[in-house]
């Protein structure tokens, strides 16, 4: 009997010791995450999609850290922005998936990079991990397989890649990117659009180009939210992202539209971030086809521009009935 009790006590002591060591490792990991956060560019697009053990989180964050320098180098060399960073714990497809505006890279046993131009995606009906879907990306003579956590995540990855693959006229540009506060748009996007179309950079033209971007993005958001979320969400968006009454506030409107839009779902921003550059492509095309940007010798038109003080350079005098 005494021997049996000694064995039980020994087993309990070992179990307590093992649990204590695991708890200490977890505390050390959590402290390390706080002390050594991911690079802001990676952190803005990195999401833990697994709800498993903390060691899975540790592996995912470790993979993201180890590839940070390479990812930042890719962004710098190709002048692109980062859209998605995901990690898979699939036994067959373990690794890190990085999606930029212009390419997808998988870091695993080897590094595979596929440009989006000409790439094709497919969702396979489950892999070796039960019902977990597998995303297949084919292009430039290579194939990437990646097993996200669920079908929603697989569809998001394919949607983002397909948008860029199907739109070669939309040029990647880090002036539009995902940041800590949501979608960010640098002022250079608007000045560059005017400059490339031959228009002078004047306060009036800048307000006009911000208004035109805001209108186009607002329309795209309404279409998207109406299809994906219904009338009630669309009305809430329209109330929050309406055109500024005072035209001096127009320079902030496109970013406000994008952030209000992406606030309705954490999967929206990687998709919505495509549209400011799509709008730029459309507007530059009007310079060639006789539309909005076709006449650089004239000031750009604005919505209800007769209602502004000082020839459109001041505040709105009154609203139309």
C-alpha atoms as a PDB file:
ATOM      1  CA  UNK A   1       0.000   0.000   0.000  1.00  0.00           C
ATOM      2  CA  UNK A   2       2.793   2.383   0.905  1.00  0.00           C
ATOM      3  CA  UNK A   3       4.520   1.673  -2.414  1.00  0.00           C
ATOM      4  CA  UNK A   4       1.308   2.398  -4.305  1.00  0.00           C
ATOM      5  CA  UNK A   5       0.886   5.729  -2.491  1.00  0.00           C
ATOM      6  CA  UNK A   6       4.467   6.655  -3.271  1.00  0.00           C
ATOM      7  CA  UNK A   7       3.845   5.905  -6.948  1.00  0.00           C
ATOM      8  CA  UNK A   8       0.678   8.057  -6.944  1.00  0.00           C
ATOM      9  CA  UNK A   9       2.499  10.937  -5.231  1.00  0.00           C
ATOM     10  CA  UNK A  10       5.357  10.660  -7.722  1.00  0.00           C
ATOM     11  CA  UNK A  11       2.970  10.702 -10.697  1.00  0.00           C
ATOM     12  CA  UNK A  12       1.145  13.738  -9.300  1.00  0.00           C
ATOM     13  CA  UNK A  13       4.430  15.528  -8.650  1.00  0.00           C
ATOM     14  CA  UNK A  14       5.619  14.859 -12.205  1.00  0.00           C
ATOM     15  CA  UNK A  15       2.289  16.084 -13.634  1.00  0.00           C
ATOM     16  CA  UNK A  16       2.470  19.265 -11.568  1.00  0.00           C
ATOM     17  CA  UNK A  17       6.071  19.835 -12.657  1.00  0.00           C
ATOM     18  CA  UNK A  18       5.217  19.360 -16.341  1.00  0.00           C
ATOM     19  CA  UNK A  19       2.192  21.671 -16.081  1.00  0.00           C
ATOM     20  CA  UNK A  20       4.284  24.267 -14.291  1.00  0.00           C
ATOM     21  CA  UNK A  21       6.962  24.191 -16.974  1.00  0.00           C
ATOM     22  CA  UNK A  22       4.358  24.489 -19.740  1.00  0.00           C
ATOM     23  CA  UNK A  23       2.760  27.429 -17.959  1.00  0.00           C
ATOM     24  CA  UNK A  24       6.154  29.081 -17.597  1.00  0.00           C
ATOM     25  CA  UNK A  25       6.852  28.622 -21.325  1.00  0.00           C
ATOM     26  CA  UNK A  26       3.471  30.098 -22.177  1.00  0.00           C
ATOM     27  CA  UNK A  27       4.073  33.116 -19.936  1.00  0.00           C
ATOM     28  CA  UNK A  28       7.486  33.590 -21.514  1.00  0.00           C
ATOM     29  CA  UNK A  29       5.936  33.443 -24.996  1.00  0.00           C
ATOM     30  CA  UNK A  30       3.215  35.948 -24.137  1.00  0.00           C
ATOM     31  CA  UNK A  31       5.785  38.306 -22.624  1.00  0.00           C
ATOM     32  CA  UNK A  32       7.955  37.934 -25.717  1.00  0.00           C
ATOM     33  CA  UNK A  33       5.002  38.871 -27.976  1.00  0.00           C
ATOM     34  CA  UNK A  34       4.557  42.080 -26.002  1.00  0.00           C
ATOM     35  CA  UNK A  35       8.266  42.910 -25.874  1.00  0.00           C
ATOM     36  CA  UNK A  36       8.981  42.018 -29.518  1.00  0.00           C
ATOM     37  CA  UNK A  37       5.879  42.832 -31.542  1.00  0.00           C
ATOM     38  CA  UNK A  38       5.717  42.010 -35.245  1.00  0.00           C
ATOM     39  CA  UNK A  39       6.859  44.659 -37.692  1.00  0.00           C
ATOM     40  CA  UNK A  40       3.916  47.092 -38.200  1.00  0.00           C
ATOM     41  CA  UNK A  41       3.627  46.223 -41.908  1.00  0.00           C
ATOM     42  CA  UNK A  42       3.334  42.515 -41.083  1.00  0.00           C
ATOM     43  CA  UNK A  43       1.124  43.040 -38.037  1.00  0.00           C
ATOM     44  CA  UNK A  44      -1.450  45.028 -40.037  1.00  0.00           C
ATOM     45  CA  UNK A  45      -2.128  42.059 -42.331  1.00  0.00           C
ATOM     46  CA  UNK A  46      -1.264  39.066 -40.133  1.00  0.00           C
ATOM     47  CA  UNK A  47      -4.155  37.230 -38.555  1.00  0.00           C
ATOM     48  CA  UNK A  48      -4.261  34.115 -36.440  1.00  0.00           C
ATOM     49  CA  UNK A  49      -7.071  32.078 -37.902  1.00  0.00           C
ATOM     50  CA  UNK A  50      -6.525  29.032 -35.721  1.00  0.00           C
ATOM     51  CA  UNK A  51      -8.289  28.694 -32.376  1.00  0.00           C
ATOM     52  CA  UNK A  52      -5.979  25.975 -31.150  1.00  0.00           C
ATOM     53  CA  UNK A  53      -3.191  25.727 -28.620  1.00  0.00           C
ATOM     54  CA  UNK A  54      -0.891  28.613 -27.758  1.00  0.00           C
ATOM     55  CA  UNK A  55       1.974  26.671 -29.309  1.00  0.00           C
ATOM     56  CA  UNK A  56       0.204  27.051 -32.672  1.00  0.00           C
ATOM     57  CA  UNK A  57       0.217  30.813 -32.149  1.00  0.00           C
ATOM     58  CA  UNK A  58       3.874  30.612 -31.228  1.00  0.00           C
ATOM     59  CA  UNK A  59       4.676  28.749 -34.451  1.00  0.00           C
ATOM     60  CA  UNK A  60       2.677  31.222 -36.562  1.00  0.00           C
ATOM     61  CA  UNK A  61       4.289  34.305 -35.025  1.00  0.00           C
ATOM     62  CA  UNK A  62       7.718  32.698 -35.267  1.00  0.00           C
ATOM     63  CA  UNK A  63       7.183  32.003 -38.968  1.00  0.00           C
ATOM     64  CA  UNK A  64       6.079  35.590 -39.580  1.00  0.00           C
ATOM     65  CA  UNK A  65       9.103  36.962 -37.723  1.00  0.00           C
ATOM     66  CA  UNK A  66      11.565  34.768 -39.574  1.00  0.00           C
ATOM     67  CA  UNK A  67      10.302  35.908 -42.993  1.00  0.00           C
ATOM     68  CA  UNK A  68       9.855  39.608 -42.227  1.00  0.00           C
ATOM     69  CA  UNK A  69      13.088  40.794 -43.859  1.00  0.00           C
ATOM     70  CA  UNK A  70      12.381  38.883 -47.055  1.00  0.00           C
ATOM     71  CA  UNK A  71       8.791  40.153 -47.243  1.00  0.00           C
ATOM     72  CA  UNK A  72       9.823  43.774 -46.695  1.00  0.00           C
ATOM     73  CA  UNK A  73      12.486  43.366 -49.366  1.00  0.00           C
ATOM     74  CA  UNK A  74       9.880  42.127 -51.855  1.00  0.00           C
ATOM     75  CA  UNK A  75       7.618  45.085 -51.111  1.00  0.00           C
ATOM     76  CA  UNK A  76      10.486  47.531 -51.571  1.00  0.00           C
ATOM     77  CA  UNK A  77      11.832  45.999 -54.798  1.00  0.00           C
ATOM     78  CA  UNK A  78       8.455  45.778 -56.521  1.00  0.00           C
ATOM     79  CA  UNK A  79       6.823  48.876 -54.982  1.00  0.00           C
ATOM     80  CA  UNK A  80       3.873  46.910 -53.647  1.00  0.00           C
ATOM     81  CA  UNK A  81       1.780  46.803 -50.512  1.00  0.00           C
ATOM     82  CA  UNK A  82       1.022  43.797 -48.325  1.00  0.00           C
ATOM     83  CA  UNK A  83      -2.544  42.471 -48.252  1.00  0.00           C
ATOM     84  CA  UNK A  84      -2.589  39.136 -46.397  1.00  0.00           C
ATOM     85  CA  UNK A  85      -0.262  37.152 -44.137  1.00  0.00           C
ATOM     86  CA  UNK A  86      -1.584  33.772 -43.007  1.00  0.00           C
ATOM     87  CA  UNK A  87      -0.088  30.678 -41.396  1.00  0.00           C
ATOM     88  CA  UNK A  88      -1.269  27.114 -41.829  1.00  0.00           C
ATOM     89  CA  UNK A  89      -0.841  24.339 -39.288  1.00  0.00           C
ATOM     90  CA  UNK A  90      -1.903  21.694 -41.771  1.00  0.00           C
ATOM     91  CA  UNK A  91       0.255  18.583 -41.524  1.00  0.00           C
ATOM     92  CA  UNK A  92       0.654  18.497 -45.309  1.00  0.00           C
ATOM     93  CA  UNK A  93       0.784  22.250 -46.048  1.00  0.00           C
ATOM     94  CA  UNK A  94       2.361  23.824 -42.991  1.00  0.00           C
ATOM     95  CA  UNK A  95       3.844  27.231 -43.779  1.00  0.00           C
ATOM     96  CA  UNK A  96       3.372  30.971 -44.223  1.00  0.00           C
ATOM     97  CA  UNK A  97       1.362  32.510 -47.072  1.00  0.00           C
ATOM     98  CA  UNK A  98       2.038  36.127 -48.059  1.00  0.00           C
ATOM     99  CA  UNK A  99      -0.189  37.945 -50.572  1.00  0.00           C
ATOM    100  CA  UNK A 100       0.897  41.332 -51.908  1.00  0.00           C
ATOM    101  CA  UNK A 101      -0.714  43.439 -54.606  1.00  0.00           C
ATOM    102  CA  UNK A 102       1.420  41.814 -57.260  1.00  0.00           C
ATOM    103  CA  UNK A 103       2.367  38.312 -56.101  1.00  0.00           C
ATOM    104  CA  UNK A 104       1.784  35.441 -53.700  1.00  0.00           C
ATOM    105  CA  UNK A 105       4.644  33.809 -51.805  1.00  0.00           C
ATOM    106  CA  UNK A 106       4.557  30.596 -49.788  1.00  0.00           C
ATOM    107  CA  UNK A 107       7.272  29.954 -47.255  1.00  0.00           C
ATOM    108  CA  UNK A 108       7.500  26.337 -46.204  1.00  0.00           C
ATOM    109  CA  UNK A 109       9.999  23.630 -47.003  1.00  0.00           C
ATOM    110  CA  UNK A 110      10.912  25.866 -49.933  1.00  0.00           C
ATOM    111  CA  UNK A 111      10.067  29.396 -51.084  1.00  0.00           C
ATOM    112  CA  UNK A 112       7.629  29.632 -54.007  1.00  0.00           C
ATOM    113  CA  UNK A 113       6.660  32.978 -55.556  1.00  0.00           C
ATOM    114  CA  UNK A 114       3.903  33.397 -58.176  1.00  0.00           C
ATOM    115  CA  UNK A 115       3.162  36.764 -59.835  1.00  0.00           C
ATOM    116  CA  UNK A 116      -0.546  37.514 -59.970  1.00  0.00           C
ATOM    117  CA  UNK A 117      -0.553  38.394 -63.662  1.00  0.00           C
ATOM    118  CA  UNK A 118      -1.792  35.218 -65.341  1.00  0.00           C
ATOM    119  CA  UNK A 119      -2.269  33.318 -62.073  1.00  0.00           C
ATOM    120  CA  UNK A 120      -5.286  31.098 -61.433  1.00  0.00           C
ATOM    121  CA  UNK A 121      -6.760  29.967 -58.129  1.00  0.00           C
ATOM    122  CA  UNK A 122      -8.892  27.030 -57.122  1.00  0.00           C
ATOM    123  CA  UNK A 123     -10.331  25.684 -53.865  1.00  0.00           C
ATOM    124  CA  UNK A 124      -9.871  21.950 -53.580  1.00  0.00           C
ATOM    125  CA  UNK A 125     -12.405  19.946 -51.610  1.00  0.00           C
ATOM    126  CA  UNK A 126     -10.354  19.084 -48.566  1.00  0.00           C
ATOM    127  CA  UNK A 127      -6.850  17.778 -48.133  1.00  0.00           C
ATOM    128  CA  UNK A 128      -5.216  15.370 -45.757  1.00  0.00           C
ATOM    129  CA  UNK A 129      -6.554  17.231 -42.707  1.00  0.00           C
ATOM    130  CA  UNK A 130     -10.148  16.087 -42.836  1.00  0.00           C
ATOM    131  CA  UNK A 131     -12.470  18.727 -44.265  1.00  0.00           C
ATOM    132  CA  UNK A 132      -9.938  21.569 -44.260  1.00  0.00           C
ATOM    133  CA  UNK A 133     -10.004  23.242 -47.724  1.00  0.00           C
ATOM    134  CA  UNK A 134      -6.854  23.627 -49.782  1.00  0.00           C
ATOM    135  CA  UNK A 135      -6.191  26.685 -51.939  1.00  0.00           C
ATOM    136  CA  UNK A 136      -4.314  25.972 -55.157  1.00  0.00           C
ATOM    137  CA  UNK A 137      -2.535  28.862 -56.899  1.00  0.00           C
ATOM    138  CA  UNK A 138      -0.997  28.172 -60.316  1.00  0.00           C
ATOM    139  CA  UNK A 139       1.134  30.528 -62.393  1.00  0.00           C
ATOM    140  CA  UNK A 140       4.562  31.201 -63.900  1.00  0.00           C
ATOM    141  CA  UNK A 141       5.267  27.478 -64.037  1.00  0.00           C
ATOM    142  CA  UNK A 142       4.786  26.975 -60.282  1.00  0.00           C
ATOM    143  CA  UNK A 143       2.047  25.778 -57.968  1.00  0.00           C
ATOM    144  CA  UNK A 144       1.297  26.764 -54.396  1.00  0.00           C
ATOM    145  CA  UNK A 145      -0.909  24.718 -52.079  1.00  0.00           C
ATOM    146  CA  UNK A 146      -2.052  26.243 -48.818  1.00  0.00           C
ATOM    147  CA  UNK A 147      -4.562  24.942 -46.276  1.00  0.00           C
ATOM    148  CA  UNK A 148      -6.355  27.813 -44.482  1.00  0.00           C
ATOM    149  CA  UNK A 149      -8.446  27.230 -41.408  1.00  0.00           C
ATOM    150  CA  UNK A 150     -11.843  27.233 -43.139  1.00  0.00           C
ATOM    151  CA  UNK A 151     -13.725  27.834 -46.379  1.00  0.00           C
ATOM    152  CA  UNK A 152     -14.306  31.536 -45.621  1.00  0.00           C
ATOM    153  CA  UNK A 153     -10.571  32.114 -45.347  1.00  0.00           C
ATOM    154  CA  UNK A 154      -9.958  30.119 -48.537  1.00  0.00           C
ATOM    155  CA  UNK A 155     -12.470  32.246 -50.439  1.00  0.00           C
ATOM    156  CA  UNK A 156     -10.863  35.441 -49.155  1.00  0.00           C
ATOM    157  CA  UNK A 157      -7.404  34.370 -50.353  1.00  0.00           C
ATOM    158  CA  UNK A 158      -8.746  33.443 -53.786  1.00  0.00           C
ATOM    159  CA  UNK A 159     -10.809  36.635 -54.085  1.00  0.00           C
ATOM    160  CA  UNK A 160      -7.851  38.892 -53.347  1.00  0.00           C
ATOM    161  CA  UNK A 161      -5.537  37.096 -55.776  1.00  0.00           C
ATOM    162  CA  UNK A 162      -8.185  36.866 -58.521  1.00  0.00           C
ATOM    163  CA  UNK A 163      -8.964  40.605 -58.392  1.00  0.00           C
ATOM    164  CA  UNK A 164      -5.355  41.466 -59.184  1.00  0.00           C
ATOM    165  CA  UNK A 165      -4.883  38.609 -61.645  1.00  0.00           C
ATOM    166  CA  UNK A 166      -7.955  39.692 -63.633  1.00  0.00           C
ATOM    167  CA  UNK A 167      -6.974  43.395 -63.718  1.00  0.00           C
ATOM    168  CA  UNK A 168      -3.502  43.805 -65.239  1.00  0.00           C
ATOM    169  CA  UNK A 169      -4.317  47.455 -65.990  1.00  0.00           C
ATOM    170  CA  UNK A 170      -4.398  48.192 -62.234  1.00  0.00           C
ATOM    171  CA  UNK A 171      -0.810  48.897 -61.215  1.00  0.00           C
ATOM    172  CA  UNK A 172       0.333  47.984 -57.669  1.00  0.00           C
ATOM    173  CA  UNK A 173       1.300  50.962 -55.546  1.00  0.00           C
ATOM    174  CA  UNK A 174       2.252  51.167 -51.850  1.00  0.00           C
ATOM    175  CA  UNK A 175       0.439  54.518 -51.689  1.00  0.00           C
ATOM    176  CA  UNK A 176      -2.592  52.348 -50.844  1.00  0.00           C
ATOM    177  CA  UNK A 177      -1.946  49.909 -48.027  1.00  0.00           C
ATOM    178  CA  UNK A 178      -3.288  48.319 -44.865  1.00  0.00           C
ATOM    179  CA  UNK A 179      -2.101  49.971 -41.657  1.00  0.00           C
ATOM    180  CA  UNK A 180      -2.797  49.760 -37.948  1.00  0.00           C
ATOM    181  CA  UNK A 181      -5.816  52.073 -38.295  1.00  0.00           C
ATOM    182  CA  UNK A 182      -7.175  50.422 -41.438  1.00  0.00           C
ATOM    183  CA  UNK A 183      -6.739  51.313 -45.102  1.00  0.00           C
ATOM    184  CA  UNK A 184      -4.284  54.143 -45.677  1.00  0.00           C
ATOM    185  CA  UNK A 185      -4.050  56.286 -48.828  1.00  0.00           C
ATOM    186  CA  UNK A 186      -1.093  58.618 -49.298  1.00  0.00           C
ATOM    187  CA  UNK A 187      -1.693  62.078 -50.777  1.00  0.00           C
ATOM    188  CA  UNK A 188       0.714  61.180 -53.575  1.00  0.00           C
ATOM    189  CA  UNK A 189      -1.993  58.965 -55.126  1.00  0.00           C
ATOM    190  CA  UNK A 190      -4.109  62.036 -55.877  1.00  0.00           C
ATOM    191  CA  UNK A 191      -1.319  64.381 -56.955  1.00  0.00           C
ATOM    192  CA  UNK A 192       0.186  61.646 -59.131  1.00  0.00           C
ATOM    193  CA  UNK A 193      -3.176  61.052 -60.828  1.00  0.00           C
ATOM    194  CA  UNK A 194      -3.451  64.742 -61.698  1.00  0.00           C
ATOM    195  CA  UNK A 195       0.164  64.955 -62.826  1.00  0.00           C
ATOM    196  CA  UNK A 196      -0.034  61.885 -65.062  1.00  0.00           C
ATOM    197  CA  UNK A 197      -3.104  63.338 -66.758  1.00  0.00           C
ATOM    198  CA  UNK A 198      -1.328  66.665 -67.297  1.00  0.00           C
ATOM    199  CA  UNK A 199      -3.385  68.710 -64.827  1.00  0.00           C
ATOM    200  CA  UNK A 200      -1.822  71.360 -62.581  1.00  0.00           C
ATOM    201  CA  UNK A 201      -1.754  70.648 -58.843  1.00  0.00           C
ATOM    202  CA  UNK A 202      -4.066  73.398 -57.601  1.00  0.00           C
ATOM    203  CA  UNK A 203      -6.223  73.466 -54.446  1.00  0.00           C
ATOM    204  CA  UNK A 204      -9.368  73.313 -56.585  1.00  0.00           C
ATOM    205  CA  UNK A 205      -8.140  70.395 -58.704  1.00  0.00           C
ATOM    206  CA  UNK A 206      -7.080  68.532 -55.560  1.00  0.00           C
ATOM    207  CA  UNK A 207     -10.544  68.925 -54.048  1.00  0.00           C
ATOM    208  CA  UNK A 208     -12.082  67.770 -57.288  1.00  0.00           C
ATOM    209  CA  UNK A 209      -9.905  64.661 -57.588  1.00  0.00           C
ATOM    210  CA  UNK A 210     -10.550  63.754 -53.931  1.00  0.00           C
ATOM    211  CA  UNK A 211     -14.263  64.173 -54.548  1.00  0.00           C
ATOM    212  CA  UNK A 212     -14.149  61.957 -57.645  1.00  0.00           C
ATOM    213  CA  UNK A 213     -12.208  59.215 -55.821  1.00  0.00           C
ATOM    214  CA  UNK A 214     -14.626  59.478 -52.890  1.00  0.00           C
ATOM    215  CA  UNK A 215     -17.684  59.182 -55.137  1.00  0.00           C
ATOM    216  CA  UNK A 216     -16.337  56.154 -57.006  1.00  0.00           C
ATOM    217  CA  UNK A 217     -15.250  54.368 -53.824  1.00  0.00           C
ATOM    218  CA  UNK A 218     -18.550  55.185 -52.122  1.00  0.00           C
ATOM    219  CA  UNK A 219     -20.453  53.642 -55.039  1.00  0.00           C
ATOM    220  CA  UNK A 220     -18.319  50.481 -54.942  1.00  0.00           C
ATOM    221  CA  UNK A 221     -18.822  50.152 -51.189  1.00  0.00           C
ATOM    222  CA  UNK A 222     -22.598  50.509 -51.523  1.00  0.00           C
ATOM    223  CA  UNK A 223     -22.660  47.786 -54.187  1.00  0.00           C
ATOM    224  CA  UNK A 224     -20.485  45.450 -52.120  1.00  0.00           C
ATOM    225  CA  UNK A 225     -22.300  45.945 -48.829  1.00  0.00           C
ATOM    226  CA  UNK A 226     -25.698  45.687 -50.464  1.00  0.00           C
ATOM    227  CA  UNK A 227     -24.852  42.271 -51.895  1.00  0.00           C
ATOM    228  CA  UNK A 228     -22.904  40.925 -48.913  1.00  0.00           C
ATOM    229  CA  UNK A 229     -24.692  42.463 -45.909  1.00  0.00           C
ATOM    230  CA  UNK A 230     -28.084  43.807 -46.955  1.00  0.00           C
ATOM    231  CA  UNK A 231     -29.988  47.077 -46.874  1.00  0.00           C
ATOM    232  CA  UNK A 232     -29.639  47.906 -43.170  1.00  0.00           C
ATOM    233  CA  UNK A 233     -25.823  47.767 -43.227  1.00  0.00           C
ATOM    234  CA  UNK A 234     -25.751  49.726 -46.480  1.00  0.00           C
ATOM    235  CA  UNK A 235     -27.836  52.516 -44.947  1.00  0.00           C
ATOM    236  CA  UNK A 236     -25.551  52.664 -41.906  1.00  0.00           C
ATOM    237  CA  UNK A 237     -22.543  52.947 -44.180  1.00  0.00           C
ATOM    238  CA  UNK A 238     -24.123  55.681 -46.286  1.00  0.00           C
ATOM    239  CA  UNK A 239     -24.888  57.711 -43.162  1.00  0.00           C
ATOM    240  CA  UNK A 240     -21.332  57.338 -41.819  1.00  0.00           C
ATOM    241  CA  UNK A 241     -19.468  57.836 -45.116  1.00  0.00           C
ATOM    242  CA  UNK A 242     -21.523  60.576 -46.755  1.00  0.00           C
ATOM    243  CA  UNK A 243     -19.850  63.306 -48.800  1.00  0.00           C
ATOM    244  CA  UNK A 244     -18.619  66.209 -46.632  1.00  0.00           C
ATOM    245  CA  UNK A 245     -20.873  69.265 -46.645  1.00  0.00           C
ATOM    246  CA  UNK A 246     -17.861  71.603 -46.410  1.00  0.00           C
ATOM    247  CA  UNK A 247     -15.634  71.019 -49.423  1.00  0.00           C
ATOM    248  CA  UNK A 248     -12.556  71.875 -47.411  1.00  0.00           C
ATOM    249  CA  UNK A 249     -13.045  68.432 -45.828  1.00  0.00           C
ATOM    250  CA  UNK A 250     -12.945  66.582 -49.170  1.00  0.00           C
ATOM    251  CA  UNK A 251      -9.257  65.561 -48.885  1.00  0.00           C
ATOM    252  CA  UNK A 252     -10.180  63.211 -46.042  1.00  0.00           C
ATOM    253  CA  UNK A 253     -13.235  61.713 -47.701  1.00  0.00           C
ATOM    254  CA  UNK A 254     -11.708  58.784 -49.685  1.00  0.00           C
ATOM    255  CA  UNK A 255      -9.926  57.411 -46.609  1.00  0.00           C
ATOM    256  CA  UNK A 256     -13.069  57.821 -44.501  1.00  0.00           C
ATOM    257  CA  UNK A 257     -15.077  55.908 -47.110  1.00  0.00           C
ATOM    258  CA  UNK A 258     -12.544  53.062 -47.099  1.00  0.00           C
ATOM    259  CA  UNK A 259     -12.361  52.809 -43.315  1.00  0.00           C
ATOM    260  CA  UNK A 260     -16.128  52.944 -42.828  1.00  0.00           C
ATOM    261  CA  UNK A 261     -16.511  50.293 -45.515  1.00  0.00           C
ATOM    262  CA  UNK A 262     -13.917  47.931 -44.040  1.00  0.00           C
ATOM    263  CA  UNK A 263     -15.358  48.388 -40.529  1.00  0.00           C
ATOM    264  CA  UNK A 264     -18.240  46.071 -41.443  1.00  0.00           C
ATOM    265  CA  UNK A 265     -16.034  42.969 -41.541  1.00  0.00           C
ATOM    266  CA  UNK A 266     -12.418  42.023 -40.891  1.00  0.00           C
ATOM    267  CA  UNK A 267     -12.219  40.325 -44.305  1.00  0.00           C
ATOM    268  CA  UNK A 268     -13.251  43.447 -46.243  1.00  0.00           C
ATOM    269  CA  UNK A 269     -10.043  45.520 -46.101  1.00  0.00           C
ATOM    270  CA  UNK A 270      -7.806  43.183 -48.199  1.00  0.00           C
ATOM    271  CA  UNK A 271     -10.476  43.224 -50.919  1.00  0.00           C
ATOM    272  CA  UNK A 272     -11.462  46.901 -50.650  1.00  0.00           C
ATOM    273  CA  UNK A 273      -7.816  48.035 -50.819  1.00  0.00           C
ATOM    274  CA  UNK A 274      -7.869  47.133 -54.523  1.00  0.00           C
ATOM    275  CA  UNK A 275     -10.387  49.808 -55.413  1.00  0.00           C
ATOM    276  CA  UNK A 276      -8.477  53.100 -54.934  1.00  0.00           C
ATOM    277  CA  UNK A 277      -5.947  51.896 -57.503  1.00  0.00           C
ATOM    278  CA  UNK A 278      -8.748  50.653 -59.742  1.00  0.00           C
ATOM    279  CA  UNK A 279     -10.333  54.120 -59.561  1.00  0.00           C
ATOM    280  CA  UNK A 280      -6.999  55.692 -60.522  1.00  0.00           C
ATOM    281  CA  UNK A 281      -6.803  53.393 -63.548  1.00  0.00           C
ATOM    282  CA  UNK A 282     -10.358  54.299 -64.596  1.00  0.00           C
ATOM    283  CA  UNK A 283      -9.784  58.038 -64.163  1.00  0.00           C
ATOM    284  CA  UNK A 284      -6.521  58.004 -66.102  1.00  0.00           C
ATOM    285  CA  UNK A 285      -8.348  56.194 -68.877  1.00  0.00           C
ATOM    286  CA  UNK A 286     -10.787  59.140 -69.093  1.00  0.00           C
ATOM    287  CA  UNK A 287      -7.828  61.362 -69.982  1.00  0.00           C
ATOM    288  CA  UNK A 288      -7.432  59.289 -73.153  1.00  0.00           C
ATOM    289  CA  UNK A 289     -11.117  58.840 -73.969  1.00  0.00           C
ATOM    290  CA  UNK A 290     -12.434  62.385 -73.567  1.00  0.00           C
ATOM    291  CA  UNK A 291     -13.850  62.089 -70.036  1.00  0.00           C
ATOM    292  CA  UNK A 292     -13.227  63.667 -66.658  1.00  0.00           C
ATOM    293  CA  UNK A 293      -9.437  64.164 -66.964  1.00  0.00           C
ATOM    294  CA  UNK A 294      -9.373  64.891 -70.711  1.00  0.00           C
ATOM    295  CA  UNK A 295      -8.860  68.668 -70.660  1.00  0.00           C
ATOM    296  CA  UNK A 296      -5.876  69.748 -68.532  1.00  0.00           C
ATOM    297  CA  UNK A 297      -6.210  73.306 -69.816  1.00  0.00           C
ATOM    298  CA  UNK A 298      -9.437  73.682 -67.809  1.00  0.00           C
ATOM    299  CA  UNK A 299     -10.142  73.379 -64.067  1.00  0.00           C
ATOM    300  CA  UNK A 300     -11.715  70.052 -63.177  1.00  0.00           C
ATOM    301  CA  UNK A 301     -15.448  69.915 -62.654  1.00  0.00           C
ATOM    302  CA  UNK A 302     -16.985  69.359 -59.234  1.00  0.00           C
ATOM    303  CA  UNK A 303     -20.410  68.336 -58.049  1.00  0.00           C
ATOM    304  CA  UNK A 304     -22.617  71.479 -57.611  1.00  0.00           C
ATOM    305  CA  UNK A 305     -19.504  73.653 -57.981  1.00  0.00           C
ATOM    306  CA  UNK A 306     -21.583  76.836 -58.342  1.00  0.00           C
ATOM    307  CA  UNK A 307     -22.426  76.622 -54.670  1.00  0.00           C
ATOM    308  CA  UNK A 308     -18.918  77.442 -53.410  1.00  0.00           C
ATOM    309  CA  UNK A 309     -17.428  80.767 -52.362  1.00  0.00           C
ATOM    310  CA  UNK A 310     -14.544  82.259 -54.332  1.00  0.00           C
ATOM    311  CA  UNK A 311     -15.002  80.196 -57.490  1.00  0.00           C
ATOM    312  CA  UNK A 312     -15.004  76.867 -55.719  1.00  0.00           C
ATOM    313  CA  UNK A 313     -11.972  77.531 -53.528  1.00  0.00           C
ATOM    314  CA  UNK A 314     -13.878  78.351 -50.333  1.00  0.00           C
ATOM    315  CA  UNK A 315     -16.607  76.838 -48.207  1.00  0.00           C
ATOM    316  CA  UNK A 316     -19.990  75.909 -49.620  1.00  0.00           C
ATOM    317  CA  UNK A 317     -22.297  78.962 -49.558  1.00  0.00           C
ATOM    318  CA  UNK A 318     -25.573  77.115 -49.345  1.00  0.00           C
ATOM    319  CA  UNK A 319     -26.969  73.744 -50.149  1.00  0.00           C
ATOM    320  CA  UNK A 320     -29.266  73.261 -53.141  1.00  0.00           C
ATOM    321  CA  UNK A 321     -32.911  72.746 -52.341  1.00  0.00           C
END
